[in-house]
């Protein structure tokens, strides 16, 4: 697959999308016009070959992990 970076969409303000690099936790802002598809907070983007792609598989994995952590905390473990 070559070099790529994965980002979580932290928030969207006007035409600016705030991205968090999933590896480095670095914050990056991009213009919404760079994307040819709709996104929302919590979506995962992959940046490869100078393009952004939506990664629904990674998003589902993260949702599952968060739900499992929440259930453990709720049970008091």
PDB file of N, CA and C in Angstrom:
ATOM      1  N   UNK A   1       0.820  -1.198   0.000  1.00  0.00           N
ATOM      2  CA  UNK A   1       0.000   0.000   0.000  1.00  0.00           C
ATOM      3  C   UNK A   1       0.862   1.259   0.000  1.00  0.00           C
ATOM      4  N   UNK A   2       2.142   1.156   0.329  1.00  0.00           N
ATOM      5  CA  UNK A   2       3.010   2.321   0.310  1.00  0.00           C
ATOM      6  C   UNK A   2       2.813   3.197   1.531  1.00  0.00           C
ATOM      7  N   UNK A   3       3.421   4.374   1.487  1.00  0.00           N
ATOM      8  CA  UNK A   3       3.310   5.299   2.603  1.00  0.00           C
ATOM      9  C   UNK A   3       1.936   5.926   2.672  1.00  0.00           C
ATOM     10  N   UNK A   4       1.377   5.969   3.862  1.00  0.00           N
ATOM     11  CA  UNK A   4       0.085   6.611   4.068  1.00  0.00           C
ATOM     12  C   UNK A   4      -0.012   7.051   5.519  1.00  0.00           C
ATOM     13  N   UNK A   5      -0.910   7.980   5.773  1.00  0.00           N
ATOM     14  CA  UNK A   5      -1.169   8.452   7.124  1.00  0.00           C
ATOM     15  C   UNK A   5      -2.655   8.301   7.392  1.00  0.00           C
ATOM     16  N   UNK A   6      -2.994   8.008   8.648  1.00  0.00           N
ATOM     17  CA  UNK A   6      -4.408   7.897   9.028  1.00  0.00           C
ATOM     18  C   UNK A   6      -4.748   9.026   9.991  1.00  0.00           C
ATOM     19  N   UNK A   7      -5.901   9.619   9.744  1.00  0.00           N
ATOM     20  CA  UNK A   7      -6.367  10.739  10.556  1.00  0.00           C
ATOM     21  C   UNK A   7      -7.795  10.497  11.015  1.00  0.00           C
ATOM     22  N   UNK A   8      -8.096  10.957  12.233  1.00  0.00           N
ATOM     23  CA  UNK A   8      -9.472  10.997  12.714  1.00  0.00           C
ATOM     24  C   UNK A   8      -9.954  12.431  12.567  1.00  0.00           C
ATOM     25  N   UNK A   9     -11.201  12.598  12.125  1.00  0.00           N
ATOM     26  CA  UNK A   9     -11.764  13.943  12.037  1.00  0.00           C
ATOM     27  C   UNK A   9     -12.211  14.345  13.436  1.00  0.00           C
ATOM     28  N   UNK A  10     -11.506  15.327  13.993  1.00  0.00           N
ATOM     29  CA  UNK A  10     -11.777  15.786  15.349  1.00  0.00           C
ATOM     30  C   UNK A  10     -13.000  16.707  15.368  1.00  0.00           C
ATOM     31  N   UNK A  11     -13.012  17.673  14.462  1.00  0.00           N
ATOM     32  CA  UNK A  11     -14.176  18.555  14.346  1.00  0.00           C
ATOM     33  C   UNK A  11     -14.164  19.243  12.997  1.00  0.00           C
ATOM     34  N   UNK A  12     -15.326  19.781  12.649  1.00  0.00           N
ATOM     35  CA  UNK A  12     -15.489  20.510  11.392  1.00  0.00           C
ATOM     36  C   UNK A  12     -16.070  21.870  11.745  1.00  0.00           C
ATOM     37  N   UNK A  13     -15.353  22.922  11.384  1.00  0.00           N
ATOM     38  CA  UNK A  13     -15.792  24.286  11.660  1.00  0.00           C
ATOM     39  C   UNK A  13     -15.806  25.063  10.349  1.00  0.00           C
ATOM     40  N   UNK A  14     -16.995  25.485   9.940  1.00  0.00           N
ATOM     41  CA  UNK A  14     -17.159  26.186   8.664  1.00  0.00           C
ATOM     42  C   UNK A  14     -16.581  25.333   7.535  1.00  0.00           C
ATOM     43  N   UNK A  15     -15.543  25.793   6.865  1.00  0.00           N
ATOM     44  CA  UNK A  15     -14.953  25.012   5.773  1.00  0.00           C
ATOM     45  C   UNK A  15     -13.642  24.346   6.177  1.00  0.00           C
ATOM     46  N   UNK A  16     -13.342  24.328   7.477  1.00  0.00           N
ATOM     47  CA  UNK A  16     -12.083  23.752   7.954  1.00  0.00           C
ATOM     48  C   UNK A  16     -12.368  22.431   8.678  1.00  0.00           C
ATOM     49  N   UNK A  17     -11.612  21.416   8.289  1.00  0.00           N
ATOM     50  CA  UNK A  17     -11.696  20.109   8.952  1.00  0.00           C
ATOM     51  C   UNK A  17     -10.441  19.955   9.807  1.00  0.00           C
ATOM     52  N   UNK A  18     -10.637  19.689  11.094  1.00  0.00           N
ATOM     53  CA  UNK A  18      -9.526  19.501  12.017  1.00  0.00           C
ATOM     54  C   UNK A  18      -9.257  18.001  12.127  1.00  0.00           C
ATOM     55  N   UNK A  19      -8.050  17.603  11.737  1.00  0.00           N
ATOM     56  CA  UNK A  19      -7.656  16.196  11.713  1.00  0.00           C
ATOM     57  C   UNK A  19      -6.650  15.902  12.811  1.00  0.00           C
ATOM     58  N   UNK A  20      -6.768  14.705  13.414  1.00  0.00           N
ATOM     59  CA  UNK A  20      -5.760  14.250  14.362  1.00  0.00           C
ATOM     60  C   UNK A  20      -5.060  13.039  13.766  1.00  0.00           C
ATOM     61  N   UNK A  21      -3.745  13.133  13.636  1.00  0.00           N
ATOM     62  CA  UNK A  21      -2.958  12.012  13.136  1.00  0.00           C
ATOM     63  C   UNK A  21      -3.046  10.882  14.162  1.00  0.00           C
ATOM     64  N   UNK A  22      -3.473   9.698  13.729  1.00  0.00           N
ATOM     65  CA  UNK A  22      -3.689   8.583  14.657  1.00  0.00           C
ATOM     66  C   UNK A  22      -2.387   8.038  15.240  1.00  0.00           C
ATOM     67  N   UNK A  23      -1.257   8.271  14.569  1.00  0.00           N
ATOM     68  CA  UNK A  23       0.026   7.791  15.085  1.00  0.00           C
ATOM     69  C   UNK A  23       0.702   8.816  15.977  1.00  0.00           C
ATOM     70  N   UNK A  24       0.790  10.050  15.508  1.00  0.00           N
ATOM     71  CA  UNK A  24       1.567  11.071  16.216  1.00  0.00           C
ATOM     72  C   UNK A  24       0.717  11.963  17.110  1.00  0.00           C
ATOM     73  N   UNK A  25      -0.619  11.912  16.947  1.00  0.00           N
ATOM     74  CA  UNK A  25      -1.573  12.771  17.665  1.00  0.00           C
ATOM     75  C   UNK A  25      -1.440  14.238  17.256  1.00  0.00           C
ATOM     76  N   UNK A  26      -0.667  14.509  16.193  1.00  0.00           N
ATOM     77  CA  UNK A  26      -0.500  15.865  15.679  1.00  0.00           C
ATOM     78  C   UNK A  26      -1.812  16.339  15.054  1.00  0.00           C
ATOM     79  N   UNK A  27      -2.119  17.613  15.249  1.00  0.00           N
ATOM     80  CA  UNK A  27      -3.346  18.193  14.701  1.00  0.00           C
ATOM     81  C   UNK A  27      -3.025  18.915  13.398  1.00  0.00           C
ATOM     82  N   UNK A  28      -3.858  18.682  12.384  1.00  0.00           N
ATOM     83  CA  UNK A  28      -3.712  19.305  11.070  1.00  0.00           C
ATOM     84  C   UNK A  28      -5.064  19.847  10.645  1.00  0.00           C
ATOM     85  N   UNK A  29      -5.063  21.006  10.033  1.00  0.00           N
ATOM     86  CA  UNK A  29      -6.294  21.575   9.480  1.00  0.00           C
ATOM     87  C   UNK A  29      -6.249  21.489   7.965  1.00  0.00           C
ATOM     88  N   UNK A  30      -7.358  21.058   7.358  1.00  0.00           N
ATOM     89  CA  UNK A  30      -7.447  21.069   5.895  1.00  0.00           C
ATOM     90  C   UNK A  30      -8.743  21.765   5.497  1.00  0.00           C
ATOM     91  N   UNK A  31      -8.767  22.250   4.288  1.00  0.00           N
ATOM     92  CA  UNK A  31      -9.971  22.879   3.767  1.00  0.00           C
ATOM     93  C   UNK A  31     -10.934  21.795   3.301  1.00  0.00           C
ATOM     94  N   UNK A  32     -12.203  21.965   3.623  1.00  0.00           N
ATOM     95  CA  UNK A  32     -13.240  20.998   3.249  1.00  0.00           C
ATOM     96  C   UNK A  32     -13.278  20.772   1.736  1.00  0.00           C
ATOM     97  N   UNK A  33     -12.886  21.787   0.963  1.00  0.00           N
ATOM     98  CA  UNK A  33     -12.901  21.691  -0.502  1.00  0.00           C
ATOM     99  C   UNK A  33     -11.918  20.658  -1.043  1.00  0.00           C
ATOM    100  N   UNK A  34     -10.960  20.206  -0.211  1.00  0.00           N
ATOM    101  CA  UNK A  34     -10.003  19.187  -0.658  1.00  0.00           C
ATOM    102  C   UNK A  34     -10.656  17.810  -0.804  1.00  0.00           C
ATOM    103  N   UNK A  35     -11.829  17.653  -0.189  1.00  0.00           N
ATOM    104  CA  UNK A  35     -12.505  16.356  -0.218  1.00  0.00           C
ATOM    105  C   UNK A  35     -13.665  16.383  -1.196  1.00  0.00           C
ATOM    106  N   UNK A  36     -13.799  15.317  -1.965  1.00  0.00           N
ATOM    107  CA  UNK A  36     -14.895  15.231  -2.936  1.00  0.00           C
ATOM    108  C   UNK A  36     -16.055  14.405  -2.374  1.00  0.00           C
ATOM    109  N   UNK A  37     -16.028  14.148  -1.062  1.00  0.00           N
ATOM    110  CA  UNK A  37     -17.071  13.340  -0.424  1.00  0.00           C
ATOM    111  C   UNK A  37     -17.412  13.969   0.920  1.00  0.00           C
ATOM    112  N   UNK A  38     -18.578  13.612   1.438  1.00  0.00           N
ATOM    113  CA  UNK A  38     -19.034  14.159   2.727  1.00  0.00           C
ATOM    114  C   UNK A  38     -18.384  13.406   3.878  1.00  0.00           C
ATOM    115  N   UNK A  39     -18.033  14.151   4.917  1.00  0.00           N
ATOM    116  CA  UNK A  39     -17.455  13.563   6.120  1.00  0.00           C
ATOM    117  C   UNK A  39     -18.136  14.155   7.343  1.00  0.00           C
ATOM    118  N   UNK A  40     -17.947  13.469   8.467  1.00  0.00           N
ATOM    119  CA  UNK A  40     -18.469  13.981   9.740  1.00  0.00           C
ATOM    120  C   UNK A  40     -17.455  13.684  10.839  1.00  0.00           C
ATOM    121  N   UNK A  41     -17.646  14.322  11.980  1.00  0.00           N
ATOM    122  CA  UNK A  41     -16.741  14.109  13.097  1.00  0.00           C
ATOM    123  C   UNK A  41     -16.691  12.622  13.449  1.00  0.00           C
ATOM    124  N   UNK A  42     -15.480  12.127  13.703  1.00  0.00           N
ATOM    125  CA  UNK A  42     -15.294  10.721  14.036  1.00  0.00           C
ATOM    126  C   UNK A  42     -14.907   9.859  12.850  1.00  0.00           C
ATOM    127  N   UNK A  43     -15.106  10.367  11.629  1.00  0.00           N
ATOM    128  CA  UNK A  43     -14.694   9.604  10.450  1.00  0.00           C
ATOM    129  C   UNK A  43     -13.177   9.469  10.422  1.00  0.00           C
ATOM    130  N   UNK A  44     -12.702   8.432   9.752  1.00  0.00           N
ATOM    131  CA  UNK A  44     -11.270   8.178   9.605  1.00  0.00           C
ATOM    132  C   UNK A  44     -10.890   8.413   8.140  1.00  0.00           C
ATOM    133  N   UNK A  45      -9.850   9.209   7.937  1.00  0.00           N
ATOM    134  CA  UNK A  45      -9.338   9.469   6.595  1.00  0.00           C
ATOM    135  C   UNK A  45      -7.942   8.875   6.466  1.00  0.00           C
ATOM    136  N   UNK A  46      -7.668   8.324   5.300  1.00  0.00           N
ATOM    137  CA  UNK A  46      -6.327   7.864   4.952  1.00  0.00           C
ATOM    138  C   UNK A  46      -5.806   8.849   3.902  1.00  0.00           C
ATOM    139  N   UNK A  47      -4.569   9.315   4.109  1.00  0.00           N
ATOM    140  CA  UNK A  47      -3.941  10.216   3.142  1.00  0.00           C
ATOM    141  C   UNK A  47      -2.839   9.439   2.440  1.00  0.00           C
ATOM    142  N   UNK A  48      -3.017   9.252   1.130  1.00  0.00           N
ATOM    143  CA  UNK A  48      -2.044   8.495   0.343  1.00  0.00           C
ATOM    144  C   UNK A  48      -2.034   9.038  -1.075  1.00  0.00           C
ATOM    145  N   UNK A  49      -0.853   9.113  -1.654  1.00  0.00           N
ATOM    146  CA  UNK A  49      -0.694   9.599  -3.028  1.00  0.00           C
ATOM    147  C   UNK A  49      -1.366  10.957  -3.225  1.00  0.00           C
ATOM    148  N   UNK A  50      -1.176  11.853  -2.243  1.00  0.00           N
ATOM    149  CA  UNK A  50      -1.718  13.218  -2.300  1.00  0.00           C
ATOM    150  C   UNK A  50      -3.235  13.274  -2.348  1.00  0.00           C
ATOM    151  N   UNK A  51      -3.909  12.248  -1.844  1.00  0.00           N
ATOM    152  CA  UNK A  51      -5.373  12.212  -1.819  1.00  0.00           C
ATOM    153  C   UNK A  51      -5.858  11.686  -0.477  1.00  0.00           C
ATOM    154  N   UNK A  52      -7.054  12.120  -0.102  1.00  0.00           N
ATOM    155  CA  UNK A  52      -7.704  11.606   1.100  1.00  0.00           C
ATOM    156  C   UNK A  52      -8.764  10.593   0.714  1.00  0.00           C
ATOM    157  N   UNK A  53      -8.850   9.520   1.494  1.00  0.00           N
ATOM    158  CA  UNK A  53      -9.849   8.474   1.280  1.00  0.00           C
ATOM    159  C   UNK A  53     -10.550   8.210   2.610  1.00  0.00           C
ATOM    160  N   UNK A  54     -11.819   7.878   2.558  1.00  0.00           N
ATOM    161  CA  UNK A  54     -12.573   7.504   3.747  1.00  0.00           C
ATOM    162  C   UNK A  54     -12.262   6.055   4.094  1.00  0.00           C
ATOM    163  N   UNK A  55     -12.006   5.770   5.384  1.00  0.00           N
ATOM    164  CA  UNK A  55     -11.689   4.415   5.824  1.00  0.00           C
ATOM    165  C   UNK A  55     -12.744   3.955   6.822  1.00  0.00           C
ATOM    166  N   UNK A  56     -13.817   3.358   6.322  1.00  0.00           N
ATOM    167  CA  UNK A  56     -14.909   2.912   7.193  1.00  0.00           C
ATOM    168  C   UNK A  56     -14.525   1.709   8.044  1.00  0.00           C
ATOM    169  N   UNK A  57     -13.622   0.855   7.556  1.00  0.00           N
ATOM    170  CA  UNK A  57     -13.186  -0.309   8.345  1.00  0.00           C
ATOM    171  C   UNK A  57     -12.494   0.137   9.622  1.00  0.00           C
ATOM    172  N   UNK A  58     -11.599   1.097   9.513  1.00  0.00           N
ATOM    173  CA  UNK A  58     -10.882   1.612  10.681  1.00  0.00           C
ATOM    174  C   UNK A  58     -11.850   2.286  11.644  1.00  0.00           C
ATOM    175  N   UNK A  59     -12.831   3.002  11.110  1.00  0.00           N
ATOM    176  CA  UNK A  59     -13.823   3.672  11.952  1.00  0.00           C
ATOM    177  C   UNK A  59     -14.604   2.633  12.767  1.00  0.00           C
ATOM    178  N   UNK A  60     -15.039   1.554  12.122  1.00  0.00           N
ATOM    179  CA  UNK A  60     -15.790   0.509  12.821  1.00  0.00           C
ATOM    180  C   UNK A  60     -14.942  -0.138  13.917  1.00  0.00           C
ATOM    181  N   UNK A  61     -13.655  -0.370  13.634  1.00  0.00           N
ATOM    182  CA  UNK A  61     -12.755  -0.953  14.630  1.00  0.00           C
ATOM    183  C   UNK A  61     -12.644  -0.039  15.845  1.00  0.00           C
ATOM    184  N   UNK A  62     -12.488   1.267  15.588  1.00  0.00           N
ATOM    185  CA  UNK A  62     -12.348   2.228  16.689  1.00  0.00           C
ATOM    186  C   UNK A  62     -13.632   2.307  17.510  1.00  0.00           C
ATOM    187  N   UNK A  63     -14.781   2.275  16.860  1.00  0.00           N
ATOM    188  CA  UNK A  63     -16.065   2.327  17.577  1.00  0.00           C
ATOM    189  C   UNK A  63     -16.188   1.110  18.484  1.00  0.00           C
ATOM    190  N   UNK A  64     -15.809  -0.058  17.981  1.00  0.00           N
ATOM    191  CA  UNK A  64     -15.887  -1.295  18.764  1.00  0.00           C
ATOM    192  C   UNK A  64     -14.978  -1.224  19.990  1.00  0.00           C
ATOM    193  N   UNK A  65     -13.755  -0.736  19.817  1.00  0.00           N
ATOM    194  CA  UNK A  65     -12.805  -0.618  20.922  1.00  0.00           C
ATOM    195  C   UNK A  65     -13.337   0.348  21.978  1.00  0.00           C
ATOM    196  N   UNK A  66     -13.873   1.482  21.543  1.00  0.00           N
ATOM    197  CA  UNK A  66     -14.408   2.475  22.472  1.00  0.00           C
ATOM    198  C   UNK A  66     -15.591   1.901  23.243  1.00  0.00           C
ATOM    199  N   UNK A  67     -16.470   1.176  22.558  1.00  0.00           N
ATOM    200  CA  UNK A  67     -17.621   0.564  23.232  1.00  0.00           C
ATOM    201  C   UNK A  67     -17.159  -0.444  24.279  1.00  0.00           C
ATOM    202  N   UNK A  68     -16.151  -1.267  23.936  1.00  0.00           N
ATOM    203  CA  UNK A  68     -15.638  -2.259  24.882  1.00  0.00           C
ATOM    204  C   UNK A  68     -15.034  -1.588  26.107  1.00  0.00           C
ATOM    205  N   UNK A  69     -14.272  -0.497  25.896  1.00  0.00           N
ATOM    206  CA  UNK A  69     -13.683   0.238  27.025  1.00  0.00           C
ATOM    207  C   UNK A  69     -14.783   0.822  27.904  1.00  0.00           C
ATOM    208  N   UNK A  70     -15.810   1.377  27.271  1.00  0.00           N
ATOM    209  CA  UNK A  70     -16.914   1.973  28.019  1.00  0.00           C
ATOM    210  C   UNK A  70     -17.616   0.919  28.880  1.00  0.00           C
ATOM    211  N   UNK A  71     -17.847  -0.262  28.319  1.00  0.00           N
ATOM    212  CA  UNK A  71     -18.520  -1.327  29.075  1.00  0.00           C
ATOM    213  C   UNK A  71     -17.679  -1.775  30.273  1.00  0.00           C
ATOM    214  N   UNK A  72     -16.357  -1.847  30.110  1.00  0.00           N
ATOM    215  CA  UNK A  72     -15.473  -2.226  31.221  1.00  0.00           C
ATOM    216  C   UNK A  72     -15.554  -1.192  32.335  1.00  0.00           C
ATOM    217  N   UNK A  73     -15.546   0.080  31.959  1.00  0.00           N
ATOM    218  CA  UNK A  73     -15.615   1.149  32.958  1.00  0.00           C
ATOM    219  C   UNK A  73     -16.959   1.108  33.663  1.00  0.00           C
ATOM    220  N   UNK A  74     -18.014   0.879  32.905  1.00  0.00           N
ATOM    221  CA  UNK A  74     -19.367   0.832  33.453  1.00  0.00           C
ATOM    222  C   UNK A  74     -19.509  -0.304  34.466  1.00  0.00           C
ATOM    223  N   UNK A  75     -18.843  -1.434  34.187  1.00  0.00           N
ATOM    224  CA  UNK A  75     -18.908  -2.599  35.079  1.00  0.00           C
ATOM    225  C   UNK A  75     -17.979  -2.430  36.284  1.00  0.00           C
ATOM    226  N   UNK A  76     -17.119  -1.420  36.225  1.00  0.00           N
ATOM    227  CA  UNK A  76     -16.204  -1.165  37.342  1.00  0.00           C
ATOM    228  C   UNK A  76     -14.948  -1.994  37.324  1.00  0.00           C
ATOM    229  N   UNK A  77     -14.506  -2.433  36.142  1.00  0.00           N
ATOM    230  CA  UNK A  77     -13.279  -3.239  36.032  1.00  0.00           C
ATOM    231  C   UNK A  77     -12.116  -2.380  35.615  1.00  0.00           C
TER     232      UNK A  77
END
